[in-house]
PDB file of all heavy atoms in Angstrom:
ATOM      1  N   ARG A   1     133.402  48.155  57.198  1.00  0.00           N
ATOM      2  CA  ARG A   1     134.103  49.383  57.421  1.00  0.00           C
ATOM      3  C   ARG A   1     133.215  50.363  58.180  1.00  0.00           C
ATOM      4  O   ARG A   1     131.973  50.244  58.145  1.00  0.00           O
ATOM      5  CB  ARG A   1     134.524  50.033  56.073  1.00  0.00           C
ATOM      6  CG  ARG A   1     135.356  49.151  55.212  1.00  0.00           C
ATOM      7  CD  ARG A   1     135.559  49.777  53.835  1.00  0.00           C
ATOM      8  NE  ARG A   1     136.433  48.948  52.951  1.00  0.00           N
ATOM      9  CZ  ARG A   1     135.940  47.970  52.187  1.00  0.00           C
ATOM     10  NH1 ARG A   1     134.641  47.683  52.205  1.00  0.00           N
ATOM     11  NH2 ARG A   1     136.764  47.308  51.409  1.00  0.00           N
ATOM     12  N   MET A   2     133.829  51.311  58.859  1.00  0.00           N
ATOM     13  CA  MET A   2     133.020  52.238  59.675  1.00  0.00           C
ATOM     14  C   MET A   2     132.022  53.010  58.854  1.00  0.00           C
ATOM     15  O   MET A   2     130.860  53.191  59.270  1.00  0.00           O
ATOM     16  CB  MET A   2     133.923  53.204  60.454  1.00  0.00           C
ATOM     17  CG  MET A   2     133.120  54.246  61.231  1.00  0.00           C
ATOM     18  SD  MET A   2     134.101  55.202  62.398  1.00  0.00           S
ATOM     19  CE  MET A   2     134.079  54.141  63.828  1.00  0.00           C
ATOM     20  N   GLY A   3     132.426  53.488  57.688  1.00  0.00           N
ATOM     21  CA  GLY A   3     131.470  54.215  56.833  1.00  0.00           C
ATOM     22  C   GLY A   3     130.293  53.385  56.451  1.00  0.00           C
ATOM     23  O   GLY A   3     129.159  53.922  56.373  1.00  0.00           O
ATOM     24  N   GLU A   4     130.496  52.067  56.217  1.00  0.00           N
ATOM     25  CA  GLU A   4     129.403  51.190  55.858  1.00  0.00           C
ATOM     26  C   GLU A   4     128.488  50.959  57.061  1.00  0.00           C
ATOM     27  O   GLU A   4     127.232  50.845  56.928  1.00  0.00           O
ATOM     28  CB  GLU A   4     129.943  49.842  55.361  1.00  0.00           C
ATOM     29  CG  GLU A   4     130.787  49.993  54.090  1.00  0.00           C
ATOM     30  CD  GLU A   4     131.680  48.825  53.816  1.00  0.00           C
ATOM     31  OE1 GLU A   4     131.677  47.836  54.639  1.00  0.00           O
ATOM     32  OE2 GLU A   4     132.426  48.847  52.828  1.00  0.00           O
ATOM     33  N   VAL A   5     129.075  50.875  58.265  1.00  0.00           N
ATOM     34  CA  VAL A   5     128.338  50.578  59.467  1.00  0.00           C
ATOM     35  C   VAL A   5     127.453  51.770  59.836  1.00  0.00           C
ATOM     36  O   VAL A   5     126.291  51.624  60.247  1.00  0.00           O
ATOM     37  CB  VAL A   5     129.324  50.219  60.590  1.00  0.00           C
ATOM     38  CG1 VAL A   5     128.551  50.230  61.933  1.00  0.00           C
ATOM     39  CG2 VAL A   5     129.939  48.868  60.346  1.00  0.00           C
ATOM     40  N   LEU A   6     128.014  52.992  59.712  1.00  0.00           N
ATOM     41  CA  LEU A   6     127.271  54.159  60.142  1.00  0.00           C
ATOM     42  C   LEU A   6     126.086  54.483  59.268  1.00  0.00           C
ATOM     43  O   LEU A   6     125.173  55.226  59.681  1.00  0.00           O
ATOM     44  CB  LEU A   6     128.224  55.365  60.212  1.00  0.00           C
ATOM     45  CG  LEU A   6     129.368  55.272  61.228  1.00  0.00           C
ATOM     46  CD1 LEU A   6     130.207  56.550  61.255  1.00  0.00           C
ATOM     47  CD2 LEU A   6     128.829  54.962  62.633  1.00  0.00           C
ATOM     48  N   THR A   7     126.054  53.944  58.100  1.00  0.00           N
ATOM     49  CA  THR A   7     124.896  54.181  57.176  1.00  0.00           C
ATOM     50  C   THR A   7     123.973  52.982  57.129  1.00  0.00           C
ATOM     51  O   THR A   7     122.990  53.019  56.370  1.00  0.00           O
ATOM     52  CB  THR A   7     125.382  54.485  55.753  1.00  0.00           C
ATOM     53  OG1 THR A   7     126.258  53.433  55.301  1.00  0.00           O
ATOM     54  CG2 THR A   7     126.219  55.814  55.740  1.00  0.00           C
ATOM     55  N   LEU A   8     124.252  51.945  57.898  1.00  0.00           N
ATOM     56  CA  LEU A   8     123.426  50.734  57.933  1.00  0.00           C
ATOM     57  C   LEU A   8     121.994  51.084  58.424  1.00  0.00           C
ATOM     58  O   LEU A   8     121.848  51.734  59.459  1.00  0.00           O
ATOM     59  CB  LEU A   8     124.027  49.690  58.810  1.00  0.00           C
ATOM     60  CG  LEU A   8     123.259  48.354  58.961  1.00  0.00           C
ATOM     61  CD1 LEU A   8     123.144  47.615  57.623  1.00  0.00           C
ATOM     62  CD2 LEU A   8     123.884  47.461  60.025  1.00  0.00           C
ATOM     63  N   GLN A   9     120.982  50.690  57.671  1.00  0.00           N
ATOM     64  CA  GLN A   9     119.591  50.915  58.045  1.00  0.00           C
ATOM     65  C   GLN A   9     118.947  49.667  58.572  1.00  0.00           C
ATOM     66  O   GLN A   9     119.252  48.544  58.215  1.00  0.00           O
ATOM     67  CB  GLN A   9     118.846  51.402  56.785  1.00  0.00           C
ATOM     68  CG  GLN A   9     119.402  52.622  56.111  1.00  0.00           C
ATOM     69  CD  GLN A   9     119.186  53.901  56.851  1.00  0.00           C
ATOM     70  OE1 GLN A   9     118.064  54.147  57.319  1.00  0.00           O
ATOM     71  NE2 GLN A   9     120.206  54.717  57.013  1.00  0.00           N
ATOM     72  N   TRP A  10     117.979  49.875  59.473  1.00  0.00           N
ATOM     73  CA  TRP A  10     117.300  48.706  60.059  1.00  0.00           C
ATOM     74  C   TRP A  10     116.549  47.917  58.986  1.00  0.00           C
ATOM     75  O   TRP A  10     116.382  46.688  59.135  1.00  0.00           O
ATOM     76  CB  TRP A  10     116.270  49.219  61.140  1.00  0.00           C
ATOM     77  CG  TRP A  10     116.975  49.376  62.478  1.00  0.00           C
ATOM     78  CD1 TRP A  10     117.137  50.582  63.112  1.00  0.00           C
ATOM     79  CD2 TRP A  10     117.485  48.360  63.331  1.00  0.00           C
ATOM     80  NE1 TRP A  10     117.771  50.336  64.336  1.00  0.00           N
ATOM     81  CE2 TRP A  10     118.006  48.991  64.471  1.00  0.00           C
ATOM     82  CE3 TRP A  10     117.629  46.986  63.189  1.00  0.00           C
ATOM     83  CZ2 TRP A  10     118.584  48.274  65.551  1.00  0.00           C
ATOM     84  CZ3 TRP A  10     118.200  46.260  64.236  1.00  0.00           C
ATOM     85  CH2 TRP A  10     118.678  46.892  65.363  1.00  0.00           C
ATOM     86  N   ARG A  11     116.090  48.566  57.930  1.00  0.00           N
ATOM     87  CA  ARG A  11     115.370  47.807  56.882  1.00  0.00           C
ATOM     88  C   ARG A  11     116.285  46.794  56.167  1.00  0.00           C
ATOM     89  O   ARG A  11     115.786  45.885  55.486  1.00  0.00           O
ATOM     90  CB  ARG A  11     114.781  48.799  55.851  1.00  0.00           C
ATOM     91  CG  ARG A  11     115.815  49.582  55.041  1.00  0.00           C
ATOM     92  CD  ARG A  11     115.135  50.397  53.994  1.00  0.00           C
ATOM     93  NE  ARG A  11     116.119  51.220  53.246  1.00  0.00           N
ATOM     94  CZ  ARG A  11     116.429  52.459  53.517  1.00  0.00           C
ATOM     95  NH1 ARG A  11     115.834  53.036  54.568  1.00  0.00           N
ATOM     96  NH2 ARG A  11     117.329  53.138  52.815  1.00  0.00           N
ATOM     97  N   ASP A  12     117.593  46.972  56.353  1.00  0.00           N
ATOM     98  CA  ASP A  12     118.563  46.064  55.731  1.00  0.00           C
ATOM     99  C   ASP A  12     119.082  45.024  56.695  1.00  0.00           C
ATOM    100  O   ASP A  12     120.084  44.308  56.401  1.00  0.00           O
ATOM    101  CB  ASP A  12     119.722  46.830  55.108  1.00  0.00           C
ATOM    102  CG  ASP A  12     119.332  47.676  53.948  1.00  0.00           C
ATOM    103  OD1 ASP A  12     118.442  47.208  53.157  1.00  0.00           O
ATOM    104  OD2 ASP A  12     119.835  48.799  53.768  1.00  0.00           O
ATOM    105  N   VAL A  13     118.478  44.883  57.838  1.00  0.00           N
ATOM    106  CA  VAL A  13     118.923  43.929  58.900  1.00  0.00           C
ATOM    107  C   VAL A  13     117.780  42.902  59.090  1.00  0.00           C
ATOM    108  O   VAL A  13     116.620  43.237  59.301  1.00  0.00           O
ATOM    109  CB  VAL A  13     119.221  44.626  60.205  1.00  0.00           C
ATOM    110  CG1 VAL A  13     119.577  43.618  61.284  1.00  0.00           C
ATOM    111  CG2 VAL A  13     120.390  45.613  60.016  1.00  0.00           C
ATOM    112  N   ASP A  14     118.139  41.625  59.030  1.00  0.00           N
ATOM    113  CA  ASP A  14     117.208  40.532  59.295  1.00  0.00           C
ATOM    114  C   ASP A  14     117.764  39.707  60.482  1.00  0.00           C
ATOM    115  O   ASP A  14     118.574  38.826  60.330  1.00  0.00           O
ATOM    116  CB  ASP A  14     117.074  39.642  58.033  1.00  0.00           C
ATOM    117  CG  ASP A  14     116.100  38.503  58.219  1.00  0.00           C
ATOM    118  OD1 ASP A  14     115.544  38.366  59.345  1.00  0.00           O
ATOM    119  OD2 ASP A  14     115.826  37.802  57.231  1.00  0.00           O
ATOM    120  N   LEU A  15     117.313  40.050  61.664  1.00  0.00           N
ATOM    121  CA  LEU A  15     117.802  39.382  62.853  1.00  0.00           C
ATOM    122  C   LEU A  15     117.333  37.958  62.943  1.00  0.00           C
ATOM    123  O   LEU A  15     118.049  37.083  63.497  1.00  0.00           O
ATOM    124  CB  LEU A  15     117.357  40.196  64.108  1.00  0.00           C
ATOM    125  CG  LEU A  15     117.974  41.594  64.264  1.00  0.00           C
ATOM    126  CD1 LEU A  15     117.450  42.228  65.555  1.00  0.00           C
ATOM    127  CD2 LEU A  15     119.505  41.502  64.317  1.00  0.00           C
ATOM    128  N   ASP A  16     116.137  37.677  62.479  1.00  0.00           N
ATOM    129  CA  ASP A  16     115.616  36.312  62.572  1.00  0.00           C
ATOM    130  C   ASP A  16     116.450  35.315  61.798  1.00  0.00           C
ATOM    131  O   ASP A  16     116.604  34.159  62.185  1.00  0.00           O
ATOM    132  CB  ASP A  16     114.158  36.279  62.045  1.00  0.00           C
ATOM    133  CG  ASP A  16     113.198  37.013  62.962  1.00  0.00           C
ATOM    134  OD1 ASP A  16     113.537  37.153  64.174  1.00  0.00           O
ATOM    135  OD2 ASP A  16     112.173  37.491  62.485  1.00  0.00           O
ATOM    136  N   HIS A  17     117.009  35.789  60.671  1.00  0.00           N
ATOM    137  CA  HIS A  17     117.832  34.868  59.825  1.00  0.00           C
ATOM    138  C   HIS A  17     119.312  35.212  59.914  1.00  0.00           C
ATOM    139  O   HIS A  17     120.144  34.627  59.213  1.00  0.00           O
ATOM    140  CB  HIS A  17     117.367  34.937  58.371  1.00  0.00           C
ATOM    141  CG  HIS A  17     115.973  34.477  58.154  1.00  0.00           C
ATOM    142  ND1 HIS A  17     114.885  35.346  58.213  1.00  0.00           N
ATOM    143  CD2 HIS A  17     115.466  33.202  57.969  1.00  0.00           C
ATOM    144  CE1 HIS A  17     113.765  34.622  57.989  1.00  0.00           C
ATOM    145  NE2 HIS A  17     114.074  33.368  57.841  1.00  0.00           N
ATOM    146  N   GLY A  18     119.692  36.183  60.785  1.00  0.00           N
ATOM    147  CA  GLY A  18     121.118  36.506  60.989  1.00  0.00           C
ATOM    148  C   GLY A  18     121.791  37.049  59.752  1.00  0.00           C
ATOM    149  O   GLY A  18     122.881  36.570  59.418  1.00  0.00           O
ATOM    150  N   ARG A  19     121.187  38.051  59.128  1.00  0.00           N
ATOM    151  CA  ARG A  19     121.800  38.638  57.924  1.00  0.00           C
ATOM    152  C   ARG A  19     121.621  40.119  57.904  1.00  0.00           C
ATOM    153  O   ARG A  19     120.705  40.658  58.483  1.00  0.00           O
ATOM    154  CB  ARG A  19     121.235  37.996  56.663  1.00  0.00           C
ATOM    155  CG  ARG A  19     121.631  36.539  56.425  1.00  0.00           C
ATOM    156  CD  ARG A  19     121.331  36.096  55.015  1.00  0.00           C
ATOM    157  NE  ARG A  19     122.032  34.923  54.696  1.00  0.00           N
ATOM    158  CZ  ARG A  19     122.113  34.354  53.489  1.00  0.00           C
ATOM    159  NH1 ARG A  19     121.464  34.975  52.453  1.00  0.00           N
ATOM    160  NH2 ARG A  19     122.768  33.298  53.240  1.00  0.00           N
ATOM    161  N   ALA A  20     122.527  40.794  57.178  1.00  0.00           N
ATOM    162  CA  ALA A  20     122.450  42.246  56.984  1.00  0.00           C
ATOM    163  C   ALA A  20     123.010  42.549  55.611  1.00  0.00           C
ATOM    164  O   ALA A  20     123.925  41.903  55.092  1.00  0.00           O
ATOM    165  CB  ALA A  20     123.189  42.986  58.058  1.00  0.00           C
ATOM    166  N   VAL A  21     122.499  43.631  54.988  1.00  0.00           N
ATOM    167  CA  VAL A  21     122.989  44.061  53.695  1.00  0.00           C
ATOM    168  C   VAL A  21     123.673  45.423  53.879  1.00  0.00           C
ATOM    169  O   VAL A  21     123.086  46.388  54.366  1.00  0.00           O
ATOM    170  CB  VAL A  21     121.812  44.222  52.678  1.00  0.00           C
ATOM    171  CG1 VAL A  21     122.346  44.745  51.332  1.00  0.00           C
ATOM    172  CG2 VAL A  21     121.123  42.864  52.452  1.00  0.00           C
ATOM    173  N   LEU A  22     124.924  45.461  53.451  1.00  0.00           N
ATOM    174  CA  LEU A  22     125.685  46.730  53.459  1.00  0.00           C
ATOM    175  C   LEU A  22     125.568  47.325  52.098  1.00  0.00           C
ATOM    176  O   LEU A  22     125.912  46.724  51.099  1.00  0.00           O
ATOM    177  CB  LEU A  22     127.158  46.493  53.844  1.00  0.00           C
ATOM    178  CG  LEU A  22     127.415  45.830  55.179  1.00  0.00           C
ATOM    179  CD1 LEU A  22     128.906  45.539  55.392  1.00  0.00           C
ATOM    180  CD2 LEU A  22     126.878  46.694  56.339  1.00  0.00           C
ATOM    181  N   ARG A  23     125.063  48.553  52.008  1.00  0.00           N
ATOM    182  CA  ARG A  23     124.805  49.213  50.743  1.00  0.00           C
ATOM    183  C   ARG A  23     125.983  50.030  50.250  1.00  0.00           C
ATOM    184  O   ARG A  23     126.631  50.722  51.034  1.00  0.00           O
ATOM    185  CB  ARG A  23     123.593  50.139  50.875  1.00  0.00           C
ATOM    186  CG  ARG A  23     122.286  49.442  51.333  1.00  0.00           C
ATOM    187  CD  ARG A  23     121.697  48.563  50.238  1.00  0.00           C
ATOM    188  NE  ARG A  23     120.478  47.922  50.695  1.00  0.00           N
ATOM    189  CZ  ARG A  23     119.783  47.093  49.971  1.00  0.00           C
ATOM    190  NH1 ARG A  23     120.196  46.770  48.753  1.00  0.00           N
ATOM    191  NH2 ARG A  23     118.664  46.500  50.446  1.00  0.00           N
ATOM    192  N   ASP A  24     126.228  49.972  48.932  1.00  0.00           N
ATOM    193  CA  ASP A  24     127.211  50.817  48.291  1.00  0.00           C
ATOM    194  C   ASP A  24     128.573  50.689  48.938  1.00  0.00           C
ATOM    195  O   ASP A  24     129.231  51.672  49.298  1.00  0.00           O
ATOM    196  CB  ASP A  24     126.805  52.305  48.276  1.00  0.00           C
ATOM    197  CG  ASP A  24     125.547  52.521  47.463  1.00  0.00           C
ATOM    198  OD1 ASP A  24     125.381  51.832  46.451  1.00  0.00           O
ATOM    199  OD2 ASP A  24     124.745  53.395  47.893  1.00  0.00           O
ATOM    200  N   VAL A  25     129.034  49.449  49.130  1.00  0.00           N
ATOM    201  CA  VAL A  25     130.344  49.234  49.764  1.00  0.00           C
ATOM    202  C   VAL A  25     131.456  49.553  48.799  1.00  0.00           C
ATOM    203  O   VAL A  25     131.251  49.545  47.575  1.00  0.00           O
ATOM    204  CB  VAL A  25     130.503  47.788  50.270  1.00  0.00           C
ATOM    205  CG1 VAL A  25     129.402  47.466  51.271  1.00  0.00           C
ATOM    206  CG2 VAL A  25     130.455  46.787  49.104  1.00  0.00           C
ATOM    207  N   LYS A  26     132.603  49.839  49.355  1.00  0.00           N
ATOM    208  CA  LYS A  26     133.762  50.188  48.554  1.00  0.00           C
ATOM    209  C   LYS A  26     134.213  48.994  47.668  1.00  0.00           C
ATOM    210  O   LYS A  26     134.229  47.867  48.093  1.00  0.00           O
ATOM    211  CB  LYS A  26     134.920  50.571  49.488  1.00  0.00           C
ATOM    212  CG  LYS A  26     136.231  50.939  48.808  1.00  0.00           C
ATOM    213  CD  LYS A  26     137.298  51.281  49.830  1.00  0.00           C
ATOM    214  CE  LYS A  26     138.633  51.582  49.208  1.00  0.00           C
ATOM    215  NZ  LYS A  26     139.653  51.853  50.275  1.00  0.00           N
ATOM    216  N   ALA A  27     134.578  49.283  46.412  1.00  0.00           N
ATOM    217  CA  ALA A  27     135.081  48.267  45.494  1.00  0.00           C
ATOM    218  C   ALA A  27     136.093  48.889  44.577  1.00  0.00           C
ATOM    219  O   ALA A  27     136.388  50.107  44.671  1.00  0.00           O
ATOM    220  CB  ALA A  27     133.915  47.677  44.692  1.00  0.00           C
ATOM    221  N   GLN A  28     136.663  48.109  43.675  1.00  0.00           N
ATOM    222  CA  GLN A  28     137.683  48.625  42.777  1.00  0.00           C
ATOM    223  C   GLN A  28     137.115  49.499  41.675  1.00  0.00           C
ATOM    224  O   GLN A  28     135.976  49.360  41.301  1.00  0.00           O
ATOM    225  CB  GLN A  28     138.435  47.423  42.144  1.00  0.00           C
ATOM    226  CG  GLN A  28     139.567  46.900  43.016  1.00  0.00           C
ATOM    227  CD  GLN A  28     140.473  45.996  42.228  1.00  0.00           C
ATOM    228  OE1 GLN A  28     140.053  45.280  41.344  1.00  0.00           O
ATOM    229  NE2 GLN A  28     141.763  46.045  42.524  1.00  0.00           N
ATOM    230  N   HIS A  29     137.974  50.377  41.152  1.00  0.00           N
ATOM    231  CA  HIS A  29     137.668  51.194  39.993  1.00  0.00           C
ATOM    232  C   HIS A  29     136.431  52.059  40.177  1.00  0.00           C
ATOM    233  O   HIS A  29     135.709  52.415  39.245  1.00  0.00           O
ATOM    234  CB  HIS A  29     137.506  50.306  38.737  1.00  0.00           C
ATOM    235  CG  HIS A  29     138.638  49.377  38.491  1.00  0.00           C
ATOM    236  ND1 HIS A  29     139.946  49.795  38.384  1.00  0.00           N
ATOM    237  CD2 HIS A  29     138.672  48.005  38.395  1.00  0.00           C
ATOM    238  CE1 HIS A  29     140.743  48.760  38.194  1.00  0.00           C
ATOM    239  NE2 HIS A  29     139.983  47.684  38.187  1.00  0.00           N
ATOM    240  N   GLY A  30     136.181  52.474  41.434  1.00  0.00           N
ATOM    241  CA  GLY A  30     135.065  53.377  41.682  1.00  0.00           C
ATOM    242  C   GLY A  30     133.685  52.724  41.625  1.00  0.00           C
ATOM    243  O   GLY A  30     132.687  53.390  41.845  1.00  0.00           O
ATOM    244  N   VAL A  31     133.608  51.429  41.341  1.00  0.00           N
ATOM    245  CA  VAL A  31     132.349  50.730  41.310  1.00  0.00           C
ATOM    246  C   VAL A  31     131.913  50.362  42.742  1.00  0.00           C
ATOM    247  O   VAL A  31     132.700  49.836  43.494  1.00  0.00           O
ATOM    248  CB  VAL A  31     132.410  49.440  40.456  1.00  0.00           C
ATOM    249  CG1 VAL A  31     131.079  48.694  40.465  1.00  0.00           C
ATOM    250  CG2 VAL A  31     132.837  49.786  39.053  1.00  0.00           C
ATOM    251  N   ARG A  32     130.665  50.672  43.072  1.00  0.00           N
ATOM    252  CA  ARG A  32     130.174  50.385  44.409  1.00  0.00           C
ATOM    253  C   ARG A  32     129.052  49.370  44.291  1.00  0.00           C
ATOM    254  O   ARG A  32     128.274  49.371  43.343  1.00  0.00           O
ATOM    255  CB  ARG A  32     129.696  51.644  45.119  1.00  0.00           C
ATOM    256  CG  ARG A  32     130.802  52.710  45.181  1.00  0.00           C
ATOM    257  CD  ARG A  32     130.378  53.932  45.992  1.00  0.00           C
ATOM    258  NE  ARG A  32     130.484  53.668  47.410  1.00  0.00           N
ATOM    259  CZ  ARG A  32     131.592  53.833  48.096  1.00  0.00           C
ATOM    260  NH1 ARG A  32     132.694  54.164  47.513  1.00  0.00           N
ATOM    261  NH2 ARG A  32     131.597  53.584  49.399  1.00  0.00           N
ATOM    262  N   ARG A  33     128.910  48.473  45.268  1.00  0.00           N
ATOM    263  CA  ARG A  33     127.916  47.423  45.211  1.00  0.00           C
ATOM    264  C   ARG A  33     127.460  47.078  46.612  1.00  0.00           C
ATOM    265  O   ARG A  33     127.966  47.580  47.612  1.00  0.00           O
ATOM    266  CB  ARG A  33     128.508  46.174  44.518  1.00  0.00           C
ATOM    267  CG  ARG A  33     129.813  45.671  45.125  1.00  0.00           C
ATOM    268  CD  ARG A  33     130.291  44.404  44.426  1.00  0.00           C
ATOM    269  NE  ARG A  33     131.525  43.920  44.993  1.00  0.00           N
ATOM    270  CZ  ARG A  33     132.720  43.974  44.355  1.00  0.00           C
ATOM    271  NH1 ARG A  33     132.790  44.544  43.181  1.00  0.00           N
ATOM    272  NH2 ARG A  33     133.787  43.492  44.908  1.00  0.00           N
ATOM    273  N   ASN A  34     126.451  46.241  46.680  1.00  0.00           N
ATOM    274  CA  ASN A  34     125.920  45.776  47.964  1.00  0.00           C
ATOM    275  C   ASN A  34     126.627  44.537  48.408  1.00  0.00           C
ATOM    276  O   ASN A  34     127.060  43.707  47.574  1.00  0.00           O
ATOM    277  CB  ASN A  34     124.424  45.550  47.869  1.00  0.00           C
ATOM    278  CG  ASN A  34     123.670  46.779  47.525  1.00  0.00           C
ATOM    279  OD1 ASN A  34     124.115  47.909  47.778  1.00  0.00           O
ATOM    280  ND2 ASN A  34     122.481  46.618  46.913  1.00  0.00           N
ATOM    281  N   ARG A  35     126.707  44.326  49.723  1.00  0.00           N
ATOM    282  CA  ARG A  35     127.380  43.173  50.266  1.00  0.00           C
ATOM    283  C   ARG A  35     126.470  42.522  51.329  1.00  0.00           C
ATOM    284  O   ARG A  35     126.003  43.189  52.259  1.00  0.00           O
ATOM    285  CB  ARG A  35     128.695  43.549  50.910  1.00  0.00           C
ATOM    286  CG  ARG A  35     129.408  42.369  51.643  1.00  0.00           C
ATOM    287  CD  ARG A  35     130.613  42.893  52.418  1.00  0.00           C
ATOM    288  NE  ARG A  35     131.029  41.869  53.411  1.00  0.00           N
ATOM    289  CZ  ARG A  35     131.699  42.172  54.548  1.00  0.00           C
ATOM    290  NH1 ARG A  35     132.030  43.433  54.778  1.00  0.00           N
ATOM    291  NH2 ARG A  35     132.034  41.217  55.387  1.00  0.00           N
ATOM    292  N   LEU A  36     126.193  41.226  51.176  1.00  0.00           N
ATOM    293  CA  LEU A  36     125.392  40.495  52.122  1.00  0.00           C
ATOM    294  C   LEU A  36     126.282  39.857  53.177  1.00  0.00           C
ATOM    295  O   LEU A  36     127.261  39.168  52.876  1.00  0.00           O
ATOM    296  CB  LEU A  36     124.607  39.397  51.411  1.00  0.00           C
ATOM    297  CG  LEU A  36     123.700  38.490  52.290  1.00  0.00           C
ATOM    298  CD1 LEU A  36     122.611  39.301  52.944  1.00  0.00           C
ATOM    299  CD2 LEU A  36     123.134  37.330  51.434  1.00  0.00           C
ATOM    300  N   CYS A  37     125.968  40.132  54.479  1.00  0.00           N
ATOM    301  CA  CYS A  37     126.779  39.655  55.574  1.00  0.00           C
ATOM    302  C   CYS A  37     125.990  38.653  56.422  1.00  0.00           C
ATOM    303  O   CYS A  37     124.809  38.908  56.733  1.00  0.00           O
ATOM    304  CB  CYS A  37     127.202  40.816  56.511  1.00  0.00           C
ATOM    305  SG  CYS A  37     128.242  42.038  55.758  1.00  0.00           S
ATOM    306  N   ASP A  38     126.577  37.535  56.769  1.00  0.00           N
ATOM    307  CA  ASP A  38     126.057  36.649  57.754  1.00  0.00           C
ATOM    308  C   ASP A  38     126.433  37.133  59.134  1.00  0.00           C
ATOM    309  O   ASP A  38     127.589  37.487  59.400  1.00  0.00           O
ATOM    310  CB  ASP A  38     126.603  35.247  57.546  1.00  0.00           C
ATOM    311  CG  ASP A  38     126.046  34.563  56.303  1.00  0.00           C
ATOM    312  OD1 ASP A  38     124.834  34.757  56.021  1.00  0.00           O
ATOM    313  OD2 ASP A  38     126.809  33.901  55.608  1.00  0.00           O
ATOM    314  N   LEU A  39     125.456  37.177  60.048  1.00  0.00           N
ATOM    315  CA  LEU A  39     125.688  37.695  61.397  1.00  0.00           C
ATOM    316  C   LEU A  39     125.854  36.560  62.373  1.00  0.00           C
ATOM    317  O   LEU A  39     124.896  35.792  62.604  1.00  0.00           O
ATOM    318  CB  LEU A  39     124.514  38.595  61.826  1.00  0.00           C
ATOM    319  CG  LEU A  39     124.193  39.776  60.922  1.00  0.00           C
ATOM    320  CD1 LEU A  39     122.987  40.533  61.466  1.00  0.00           C
ATOM    321  CD2 LEU A  39     125.401  40.700  60.724  1.00  0.00           C
ATOM    322  N   PRO A  40     127.009  36.442  63.015  1.00  0.00           N
ATOM    323  CA  PRO A  40     127.178  35.458  64.086  1.00  0.00           C
ATOM    324  C   PRO A  40     126.299  35.793  65.272  1.00  0.00           C
ATOM    325  O   PRO A  40     125.780  36.893  65.350  1.00  0.00           O
ATOM    326  CB  PRO A  40     128.696  35.599  64.418  1.00  0.00           C
ATOM    327  CG  PRO A  40     129.322  36.291  63.278  1.00  0.00           C
ATOM    328  CD  PRO A  40     128.262  37.177  62.717  1.00  0.00           C
ATOM    329  N   PRO A  41     126.094  34.837  66.150  1.00  0.00           N
ATOM    330  CA  PRO A  41     125.180  35.093  67.290  1.00  0.00           C
ATOM    331  C   PRO A  41     125.543  36.305  68.088  1.00  0.00           C
ATOM    332  O   PRO A  41     124.600  37.027  68.587  1.00  0.00           O
ATOM    333  CB  PRO A  41     125.345  33.801  68.132  1.00  0.00           C
ATOM    334  CG  PRO A  41     125.688  32.760  67.122  1.00  0.00           C
ATOM    335  CD  PRO A  41     126.565  33.457  66.092  1.00  0.00           C
ATOM    336  N   ALA A  42     126.815  36.622  68.288  1.00  0.00           N
ATOM    337  CA  ALA A  42     127.192  37.818  69.072  1.00  0.00           C
ATOM    338  C   ALA A  42     126.678  39.098  68.433  1.00  0.00           C
ATOM    339  O   ALA A  42     126.231  40.014  69.136  1.00  0.00           O
ATOM    340  CB  ALA A  42     128.722  37.898  69.224  1.00  0.00           C
TER     341      ALA A  42
END
């Protein structure tokens, strides 16, 4: 989501292994959690 992208920090991005962590993403019942994303080559 845009809100998750705009708060993404470089410390949560691993370009060598193609991964990023989105912090405090939206979830049900007001609970927020982290989400690990696999990054395609693009």
